[in-house]
Amino acid sequence: MADPTNDPEISFTQIDVDVDIQEILLAASQHDIPTLRRLVRTQSALPNAANVKDPETGYSPLHSAIAACEPEEVEEQANGVNGAHEDEHAKLLKSGVETVKFLLQEGAIWNDLDNNDETPGCIARRIKAPELYELVVDAGVRAEMLLSRLEGYEELSDGDDEDEEEDAENVQAEVEDEAAPELVDASEANVAEITSTGERTGLANPEVSNPGYLNSSLNITNERILDADQNGVMMSWESSIMKNSAQKLLPRPGMKVLNVGHGMGIVDGFFQEQSPASHHIIEAHPDVVAEMKRRGWDSKPGVVIHEGRWQDIMPGLVGAGETFDAIYYDTFAESYNDFREFFSEQVIGLLEQEGKWGFFNGMGADRQISYDVYQKVAEMDLFEAGFDIDWEDIPVPKLGGEWEGVRRAYWVVDNYRLPLCRFMD
């Protein structure tokens, strides 16, 4: 057998690194925290040792630790034997929990993908390990919230205040130590930053920007809207969700409603069925505005069409003293930060004190763990902005042919969580 060290293309350093990686992954799968601690904290050749990858499976240590907790299939046996097996699995889960906690503290990436396109949380959900799944969800929430804090400091900093700069540097260090390793580049792994309700993919797509979308030509039919790159903007399968939202937001006739993002007009059609006293619609895309007018929306009872971006129009509505009993938000290719600005800066000035507002909850909907992470992130940010939120689970039919000709599915989770927001008491 040839000695690989004689190959000039293979260095001793590379061989050592490969061995170290396998040792780390083995220790993670065995939930051997003392060995993990030694390997992760002392391997100078592996500066990001908590996130090494197995070349064949794509498993990180976090993947390995969780996958090792999958229960073995056992034939039905006497109660005593089954009981012993259950005890052993309980011990395995307990050690798995401690190992996952350790790896996350060491900067393990919560939403990294293996070669089967699974995150560690996806594996935990598949093997029915809710304790492990919730640990990964909470790690995702921490990472997103810390990133949000950092962005807030960057927006406030003007470079003149030394204390302000020092605070920003401290937060930067905190994020680098605790959160940055848990975020990966979307252009590489496609899992890092989740966009808001509008893009509907649930993932940051560097090829889809709001200015680019607004300047593109749309393919509008009775069944769906696609942008020029075949990204799904809106589809008819959402009708039952929109109907439910409209009826909860406008429970009786004679109310005032504002909808941000007309799209196919699905939710606006259901708002009209509730006989509102006034019905304002903000729509930014010129193709959609033209289609609205072609279908006679500008002559429907109580309808006022505002052409442009909500960022430009809503401050004018606030200045004019307009208020609404209900507000709905469903835009496209906007970030979560845009969404947070919408409810924390604009809704507050336009919603009646007893009013309600909602949004198309598509954040992270192409992966269950992302959907769960952003529900918690949204709850925290809404609470900070002074809103209570109630969720209602609505089953979504299995979607198949709906994605034909669409660049990628923006919805794969089983249940839609319908949000209903109101001011805190």
Protein backbone atom coordinates (compact mmCIF):
# COMPACT_ATOMS: atom_id res chain seq x y z
CA MET A 1 0.00 0.00 0.00
CA ALA A 2 1.43 3.34 -1.01
CA ASP A 3 2.32 5.81 1.69
CA PRO A 4 0.25 8.98 1.12
CA THR A 5 2.95 11.04 2.74
CA ASN A 6 5.17 10.32 -0.29
CA ASP A 7 2.73 12.13 -2.55
CA PRO A 8 4.13 15.63 -3.10
CA GLU A 9 0.59 16.99 -3.43
CA ILE A 10 -0.35 15.80 0.05
CA SER A 11 1.31 17.62 2.95
CA PHE A 12 1.73 16.34 6.47
CA THR A 13 -0.27 19.37 7.62
CA GLN A 14 -3.25 18.41 5.46
CA ILE A 15 -3.18 14.84 6.76
CA ASP A 16 -3.07 16.12 10.33
CA VAL A 17 -6.02 18.44 9.64
CA ASP A 18 -8.07 15.59 8.15
CA VAL A 19 -7.37 13.42 11.18
CA ASP A 20 -8.29 16.27 13.52
CA ILE A 21 -11.58 16.78 11.69
CA GLN A 22 -12.51 13.11 12.02
CA GLU A 23 -11.59 13.15 15.70
CA ILE A 24 -13.82 16.17 16.32
CA LEU A 25 -16.73 14.61 14.45
CA LEU A 26 -16.30 11.30 16.28
CA ALA A 27 -16.18 13.03 19.67
CA ALA A 28 -19.33 14.97 18.76
CA SER A 29 -21.18 11.80 17.74
CA GLN A 30 -20.11 10.12 20.97
CA HIS A 31 -21.11 13.19 23.03
CA ASP A 32 -17.59 13.21 24.47
CA ILE A 33 -17.47 16.78 25.75
CA PRO A 34 -14.02 16.59 27.44
CA THR A 35 -12.44 15.42 24.19
CA LEU A 36 -14.42 17.96 22.19
CA ARG A 37 -13.30 20.73 24.50
CA ARG A 38 -9.68 19.74 24.06
CA LEU A 39 -9.91 19.41 20.28
CA VAL A 40 -12.02 22.50 19.62
CA ARG A 41 -10.03 24.81 21.85
CA THR A 42 -6.48 23.65 21.11
CA GLN A 43 -6.34 22.87 17.38
CA SER A 44 -4.35 25.78 15.96
CA ALA A 45 -4.65 24.37 12.43
CA LEU A 46 -8.43 24.51 12.72
CA PRO A 47 -9.39 28.06 13.73
CA ASN A 48 -13.10 27.29 13.26
CA ALA A 49 -13.00 23.80 14.74
CA ALA A 50 -16.63 23.81 15.92
CA ASN A 51 -17.73 24.02 12.27
CA VAL A 52 -15.51 21.50 10.50
CA LYS A 53 -17.20 19.38 7.84
CA ASP A 54 -17.12 15.73 6.88
CA PRO A 55 -16.36 15.69 3.14
CA GLU A 56 -18.67 12.74 2.44
CA THR A 57 -21.77 13.70 4.44
CA GLY A 58 -21.29 17.41 4.96
CA TYR A 59 -21.92 16.84 8.66
CA SER A 60 -20.64 19.43 11.09
CA PRO A 61 -20.06 18.49 14.75
CA LEU A 62 -23.56 19.81 15.48
CA HIS A 63 -25.06 17.56 12.79
CA SER A 64 -23.10 14.60 14.17
CA ALA A 65 -24.12 15.17 17.79
CA ILE A 66 -27.81 15.35 16.89
CA ALA A 67 -27.83 12.51 14.34
CA ALA A 68 -26.31 10.22 16.97
CA CYS A 69 -29.52 10.62 19.01
CA GLU A 70 -31.72 8.92 16.43
CA PRO A 71 -33.49 6.03 18.18
CA GLU A 72 -32.80 2.52 16.98
CA GLU A 73 -35.71 0.53 15.60
CA VAL A 74 -36.38 -2.39 17.92
CA GLU A 75 -38.85 -5.21 17.57
CA GLU A 76 -41.68 -5.34 20.09
CA GLN A 77 -40.36 -7.09 23.17
CA ALA A 78 -41.24 -7.64 26.79
CA ASN A 79 -41.95 -4.50 28.80
CA GLY A 80 -38.76 -4.84 30.79
CA VAL A 81 -36.63 -4.93 27.65
CA ASN A 82 -38.49 -2.00 26.08
CA GLY A 83 -38.21 -0.06 29.31
CA ALA A 84 -34.44 -0.58 29.40
CA HIS A 85 -34.18 0.55 25.79
CA GLU A 86 -36.17 3.69 26.56
CA ASP A 87 -33.93 4.46 29.53
CA GLU A 88 -30.84 4.13 27.35
CA HIS A 89 -32.34 6.47 24.76
CA ALA A 90 -33.25 9.00 27.46
CA LYS A 91 -29.63 8.98 28.62
CA LEU A 92 -28.49 9.41 25.01
CA LEU A 93 -30.77 12.41 24.55
CA LYS A 94 -29.54 13.95 27.79
CA SER A 95 -25.92 13.68 26.71
CA GLY A 96 -26.92 14.98 23.28
CA VAL A 97 -28.49 18.06 24.85
CA GLU A 98 -25.31 18.84 26.78
CA THR A 99 -23.16 18.34 23.69
CA VAL A 100 -25.35 20.56 21.54
CA LYS A 101 -25.25 23.27 24.21
CA PHE A 102 -21.45 23.06 24.30
CA LEU A 103 -21.07 23.24 20.52
CA LEU A 104 -23.41 26.22 20.26
CA GLN A 105 -21.41 28.00 22.95
CA GLU A 106 -18.30 27.34 20.88
CA GLY A 107 -19.86 29.02 17.83
CA ALA A 108 -21.42 26.10 15.95
CA ILE A 109 -23.50 27.28 12.99
CA TRP A 110 -27.17 26.72 13.80
CA ASN A 111 -28.36 26.67 10.17
CA ASP A 112 -25.43 25.09 8.35
CA LEU A 113 -26.35 22.63 5.60
CA ASP A 114 -25.08 19.10 5.10
CA ASN A 115 -24.91 17.30 1.77
CA ASN A 116 -28.59 16.31 2.09
CA ASP A 117 -29.63 19.97 2.43
CA GLU A 118 -30.46 19.48 6.12
CA THR A 119 -29.58 21.80 8.97
CA PRO A 120 -28.89 20.36 12.43
CA GLY A 121 -32.41 21.45 13.38
CA CYS A 122 -33.86 19.61 10.39
CA ILE A 123 -32.24 16.41 11.62
CA ALA A 124 -33.53 16.96 15.16
CA ARG A 125 -37.05 17.41 13.82
CA ARG A 126 -36.78 14.36 11.56
CA ILE A 127 -35.64 12.06 14.36
CA LYS A 128 -38.35 13.50 16.65
CA ALA A 129 -36.03 15.05 19.25
CA PRO A 130 -37.90 18.21 20.35
CA GLU A 131 -35.40 19.08 23.11
CA LEU A 132 -32.58 19.25 20.56
CA TYR A 133 -34.76 21.05 18.02
CA GLU A 134 -35.67 23.82 20.47
CA LEU A 135 -32.00 24.32 21.37
CA VAL A 136 -31.19 24.97 17.72
CA VAL A 137 -34.22 27.24 17.26
CA ASP A 138 -33.18 29.31 20.27
CA ALA A 139 -29.64 29.55 18.87
CA GLY A 140 -31.08 30.91 15.63
CA VAL A 141 -33.14 33.48 17.53
CA ARG A 142 -30.09 34.64 19.50
CA ALA A 143 -28.03 34.98 16.34
CA GLU A 144 -30.68 37.00 14.50
CA MET A 145 -31.37 39.25 17.47
CA LEU A 146 -27.67 39.97 18.02
CA LEU A 147 -27.23 40.72 14.33
CA SER A 148 -30.16 43.10 14.59
CA ARG A 149 -28.51 44.88 17.53
CA LEU A 150 -25.31 45.32 15.56
CA GLU A 151 -27.17 46.78 12.58
CA GLY A 152 -28.93 49.18 14.95
CA TYR A 153 -25.61 50.45 16.25
CA GLU A 154 -24.28 50.89 12.73
CA GLU A 155 -27.30 52.98 11.76
CA LEU A 156 -26.93 55.22 14.84
CA SER A 157 -23.17 55.73 14.57
CA ASP A 158 -22.00 58.88 12.80
CA GLY A 159 -18.30 58.46 13.55
CA ASP A 160 -18.06 61.50 15.83
CA ASP A 161 -18.98 60.15 19.25
CA GLU A 162 -16.17 58.12 20.83
CA ASP A 163 -18.49 56.47 23.36
CA GLU A 164 -20.88 55.53 20.60
CA GLU A 165 -18.04 54.01 18.59
CA GLU A 166 -16.85 52.07 21.64
CA ASP A 167 -20.35 50.68 22.20
CA ALA A 168 -20.55 49.65 18.57
CA GLU A 169 -17.16 47.93 18.82
CA ASN A 170 -18.29 46.06 21.93
CA VAL A 171 -21.42 44.83 20.18
CA GLN A 172 -19.34 43.90 17.13
CA ALA A 173 -17.09 41.79 19.36
CA GLU A 174 -20.11 40.22 21.03
CA VAL A 175 -21.63 39.29 17.70
CA GLU A 176 -18.35 37.90 16.41
CA ASP A 177 -17.97 35.79 19.56
CA GLU A 178 -21.55 34.59 19.86
CA ALA A 179 -23.54 35.15 16.70
CA ALA A 180 -21.35 35.54 13.66
CA PRO A 181 -20.27 31.88 13.61
CA GLU A 182 -23.95 30.97 13.58
CA LEU A 183 -24.55 32.90 10.37
CA VAL A 184 -23.30 31.74 7.00
CA ASP A 185 -23.04 33.56 3.72
CA ALA A 186 -26.32 33.29 1.84
CA SER A 187 -24.54 33.29 -1.49
CA GLU A 188 -22.63 30.16 -0.43
CA ALA A 189 -25.02 28.16 1.74
CA ASN A 190 -28.31 29.90 1.04
CA VAL A 191 -29.42 29.77 4.65
CA ALA A 192 -28.14 32.82 6.46
CA GLU A 193 -30.45 35.80 6.28
CA ILE A 194 -34.17 35.25 5.99
CA THR A 195 -36.14 37.88 4.16
CA SER A 196 -39.46 39.21 5.28
CA THR A 197 -42.97 38.31 4.25
CA GLY A 198 -42.67 39.69 0.77
CA GLU A 199 -39.97 37.73 -1.01
CA ARG A 200 -41.79 34.53 -0.09
CA THR A 201 -38.69 32.41 -0.59
CA GLY A 202 -37.92 32.90 3.07
CA LEU A 203 -34.23 33.09 2.28
CA ALA A 204 -31.99 35.97 1.38
CA ASN A 205 -31.55 35.92 -2.37
CA PRO A 206 -28.78 38.26 -3.51
CA GLU A 207 -30.24 38.16 -7.00
CA VAL A 208 -33.58 39.61 -5.87
CA SER A 209 -33.53 43.22 -4.68
CA ASN A 210 -36.47 45.51 -4.21
CA PRO A 211 -35.21 48.11 -6.75
CA GLY A 212 -34.48 45.33 -9.22
CA TYR A 213 -37.94 43.88 -8.74
CA LEU A 214 -39.67 47.22 -9.17
CA ASN A 215 -37.78 47.81 -12.43
CA SER A 216 -38.51 44.35 -13.83
CA SER A 217 -41.36 43.17 -16.04
CA LEU A 218 -43.91 40.85 -14.44
CA ASN A 219 -45.80 37.88 -15.81
CA ILE A 220 -49.30 38.34 -14.38
CA THR A 221 -52.02 35.68 -14.83
CA ASN A 222 -55.12 34.65 -12.91
CA GLU A 223 -53.10 31.93 -11.18
CA ARG A 224 -49.86 33.66 -10.23
CA ILE A 225 -47.38 36.49 -10.64
CA LEU A 226 -43.76 35.76 -11.57
CA ASP A 227 -40.96 38.29 -11.88
CA ALA A 228 -38.56 38.38 -14.82
CA ASP A 229 -36.36 35.70 -13.19
CA GLN A 230 -39.29 33.33 -12.56
CA ASN A 231 -39.42 34.05 -8.84
CA GLY A 232 -42.88 33.55 -7.38
CA VAL A 233 -44.37 36.88 -6.30
CA MET A 234 -47.87 35.62 -5.46
CA MET A 235 -50.02 32.59 -6.25
CA SER A 236 -53.67 31.66 -6.13
CA TRP A 237 -53.12 28.86 -3.58
CA GLU A 238 -52.83 31.61 -0.96
CA SER A 239 -56.52 32.52 -1.33
CA SER A 240 -57.81 30.64 1.72
CA ILE A 241 -55.12 32.25 3.88
CA MET A 242 -55.97 35.71 2.57
CA LYS A 243 -59.71 35.17 3.10
CA ASN A 244 -59.14 34.15 6.70
CA SER A 245 -56.92 37.18 7.30
CA ALA A 246 -59.37 39.62 5.71
CA GLN A 247 -62.34 38.34 7.74
CA LYS A 248 -60.41 38.58 11.01
CA LEU A 249 -59.12 42.07 10.26
CA LEU A 250 -62.50 43.38 9.03
CA PRO A 251 -65.17 41.51 11.01
CA ARG A 252 -67.98 43.90 10.08
CA PRO A 253 -68.92 46.41 7.35
CA GLY A 254 -68.08 50.10 7.49
CA MET A 255 -64.48 49.81 8.68
CA LYS A 256 -61.37 51.48 7.24
CA VAL A 257 -58.57 49.30 5.83
CA LEU A 258 -55.11 49.87 4.38
CA ASN A 259 -53.39 47.15 2.34
CA VAL A 260 -49.70 47.43 1.47
CA GLY A 261 -48.96 45.35 -1.62
CA HIS A 262 -51.84 44.55 -4.00
CA GLY A 263 -50.21 41.78 -6.05
CA MET A 264 -52.97 39.65 -7.58
CA GLY A 265 -55.59 41.51 -5.55
CA ILE A 266 -56.55 38.42 -3.57
CA VAL A 267 -56.72 39.97 -0.11
CA ASP A 268 -58.14 43.22 -1.49
CA GLY A 269 -60.95 41.25 -3.09
CA PHE A 270 -61.82 39.73 0.28
CA PHE A 271 -61.59 43.16 1.93
CA GLN A 272 -64.14 44.43 -0.58
CA GLU A 273 -66.50 41.60 0.38
CA GLN A 274 -66.47 43.04 3.93
CA SER A 275 -67.89 46.36 2.61
CA PRO A 276 -65.28 48.74 4.06
CA ALA A 277 -66.03 52.45 4.42
CA SER A 278 -62.62 53.24 2.93
CA HIS A 279 -60.09 50.96 1.31
CA HIS A 280 -56.59 52.33 0.68
CA ILE A 281 -54.10 50.28 -1.36
CA ILE A 282 -50.38 50.99 -1.69
CA GLU A 283 -48.70 49.34 -4.69
CA ALA A 284 -45.18 50.04 -5.89
CA HIS A 285 -44.83 48.00 -9.09
CA PRO A 286 -46.04 49.85 -12.23
CA ASP A 287 -47.13 46.62 -13.94
CA VAL A 288 -49.38 45.75 -11.00
CA VAL A 289 -50.78 49.29 -10.88
CA ALA A 290 -51.59 49.08 -14.60
CA GLU A 291 -53.31 45.72 -14.08
CA MET A 292 -55.27 47.14 -11.13
CA LYS A 293 -56.64 49.92 -13.30
CA ARG A 294 -57.38 47.53 -16.17
CA ARG A 295 -59.51 45.49 -13.77
CA GLY A 296 -61.31 48.58 -12.51
CA TRP A 297 -59.90 48.78 -9.01
CA ASP A 298 -59.67 52.56 -9.25
CA SER A 299 -63.47 52.74 -9.50
CA LYS A 300 -64.42 50.27 -6.76
CA PRO A 301 -66.34 51.60 -3.72
CA GLY A 302 -64.11 53.44 -1.27
CA VAL A 303 -60.88 52.42 -2.99
CA VAL A 304 -57.94 54.85 -3.04
CA ILE A 305 -54.83 53.68 -4.91
CA HIS A 306 -51.44 55.04 -3.83
CA GLU A 307 -48.77 54.42 -6.46
CA GLY A 308 -45.31 54.03 -4.94
CA ARG A 309 -43.36 52.47 -2.09
CA TRP A 310 -44.91 52.41 1.38
CA GLN A 311 -41.73 54.04 2.72
CA ASP A 312 -42.62 57.16 0.71
CA ILE A 313 -46.41 57.10 1.04
CA MET A 314 -47.17 56.12 4.64
CA PRO A 315 -45.47 59.13 6.28
CA GLY A 316 -47.76 61.32 4.18
CA LEU A 317 -50.81 59.42 5.38
CA VAL A 318 -49.66 59.92 8.97
CA GLY A 319 -49.16 63.63 8.31
CA ALA A 320 -52.65 63.86 6.83
CA GLY A 321 -54.16 62.34 9.96
CA GLU A 322 -55.40 59.16 8.27
CA THR A 323 -56.12 56.22 10.57
CA PHE A 324 -57.33 52.70 9.87
CA ASP A 325 -59.18 49.94 11.69
CA ALA A 326 -57.11 47.32 9.85
CA ILE A 327 -53.75 47.22 8.09
CA TYR A 328 -52.28 44.37 6.04
CA TYR A 329 -48.70 43.99 4.77
CA ASP A 330 -47.60 41.81 1.87
CA THR A 331 -44.70 43.15 -0.18
CA PHE A 332 -42.03 41.49 -2.29
CA ALA A 333 -38.20 41.40 -2.10
CA GLU A 334 -38.02 43.40 1.12
CA SER A 335 -35.88 42.46 4.12
CA TYR A 336 -36.91 41.66 7.64
CA ASN A 337 -35.48 45.03 8.66
CA ASP A 338 -37.90 46.70 6.24
CA PHE A 339 -40.74 44.78 7.85
CA ARG A 340 -39.63 45.78 11.35
CA GLU A 341 -39.45 49.43 10.29
CA PHE A 342 -42.97 49.08 8.87
CA PHE A 343 -44.60 48.07 12.14
CA SER A 344 -42.35 49.95 14.55
CA GLU A 345 -42.35 53.28 12.69
CA GLN A 346 -45.46 53.42 10.48
CA VAL A 347 -48.22 51.17 11.83
CA ILE A 348 -48.06 52.92 15.19
CA GLY A 349 -49.07 56.20 13.57
CA LEU A 350 -51.85 54.82 11.36
CA LEU A 351 -53.64 52.12 13.36
CA GLU A 352 -56.69 52.97 15.45
CA GLN A 353 -56.23 52.20 19.14
CA GLU A 354 -58.66 49.27 18.95
CA GLY A 355 -57.53 48.30 15.45
CA LYS A 356 -55.79 45.15 14.24
CA TRP A 357 -53.12 44.49 11.66
CA GLY A 358 -51.60 41.46 9.99
CA PHE A 359 -49.11 40.34 7.38
CA PHE A 360 -48.43 37.48 5.01
CA ASN A 361 -46.30 35.28 7.26
CA GLY A 362 -43.91 33.75 4.76
CA MET A 363 -40.68 34.34 6.67
CA GLY A 364 -38.49 31.27 6.34
CA ALA A 365 -41.34 29.17 4.99
CA ASP A 366 -39.15 26.99 2.79
CA ARG A 367 -37.66 25.35 5.91
CA GLN A 368 -39.51 24.59 9.14
CA ILE A 369 -36.71 25.61 11.47
CA SER A 370 -36.34 28.99 9.73
CA TYR A 371 -40.10 29.49 10.02
CA ASP A 372 -39.94 28.73 13.76
CA VAL A 373 -36.93 30.99 14.32
CA TYR A 374 -38.57 33.97 12.67
CA GLN A 375 -41.83 33.49 14.55
CA LYS A 376 -39.90 33.98 17.79
CA VAL A 377 -37.84 36.87 16.40
CA ALA A 378 -41.00 38.60 15.22
CA GLU A 379 -42.71 38.07 18.58
CA MET A 380 -39.80 39.75 20.39
CA ASP A 381 -39.64 42.69 18.02
CA LEU A 382 -43.41 43.17 18.05
CA PHE A 383 -43.41 43.11 21.85
CA GLU A 384 -40.67 45.75 21.87
CA ALA A 385 -42.75 47.89 19.48
CA GLY A 386 -45.80 47.63 21.77
CA PHE A 387 -47.86 44.94 20.02
CA ASP A 388 -49.48 41.72 21.16
CA ILE A 389 -49.72 38.96 18.57
CA ASP A 390 -51.94 35.90 18.31
CA TRP A 391 -51.19 33.01 15.95
CA GLU A 392 -53.61 30.61 14.33
CA ASP A 393 -52.34 27.48 12.60
CA ILE A 394 -53.96 26.84 9.22
CA PRO A 395 -53.09 23.61 7.35
CA VAL A 396 -51.64 24.17 3.88
CA PRO A 397 -52.45 21.58 1.20
CA LYS A 398 -49.52 19.75 -0.33
CA LEU A 399 -48.25 21.92 -3.17
CA GLY A 400 -46.75 20.26 -6.22
CA GLY A 401 -47.71 21.44 -9.67
CA GLU A 402 -48.02 24.98 -8.34
CA TRP A 403 -44.23 25.30 -8.56
CA GLU A 404 -43.96 24.30 -12.21
CA GLY A 405 -41.97 27.01 -13.98
CA VAL A 406 -41.14 28.74 -10.69
CA ARG A 407 -37.51 29.21 -9.85
CA ARG A 408 -37.89 27.65 -6.40
CA ALA A 409 -40.67 26.86 -3.99
CA TYR A 410 -41.20 29.56 -1.38
CA TRP A 411 -43.46 27.38 0.77
CA VAL A 412 -42.82 23.85 2.11
CA VAL A 413 -44.02 23.90 5.75
CA ASP A 414 -47.23 22.10 6.70
CA ASN A 415 -49.06 24.84 8.58
CA TYR A 416 -49.45 28.55 7.92
CA ARG A 417 -49.32 30.61 11.11
CA LEU A 418 -51.77 33.43 10.64
CA PRO A 419 -50.76 36.49 12.70
CA LEU A 420 -53.19 38.96 14.24
CA CYS A 421 -51.58 41.96 15.92
CA ARG A 422 -52.99 44.69 18.15
CA PHE A 423 -51.72 47.31 20.55
CA MET A 424 -50.94 46.08 24.03
CA ASP A 425 -53.52 46.89 26.67
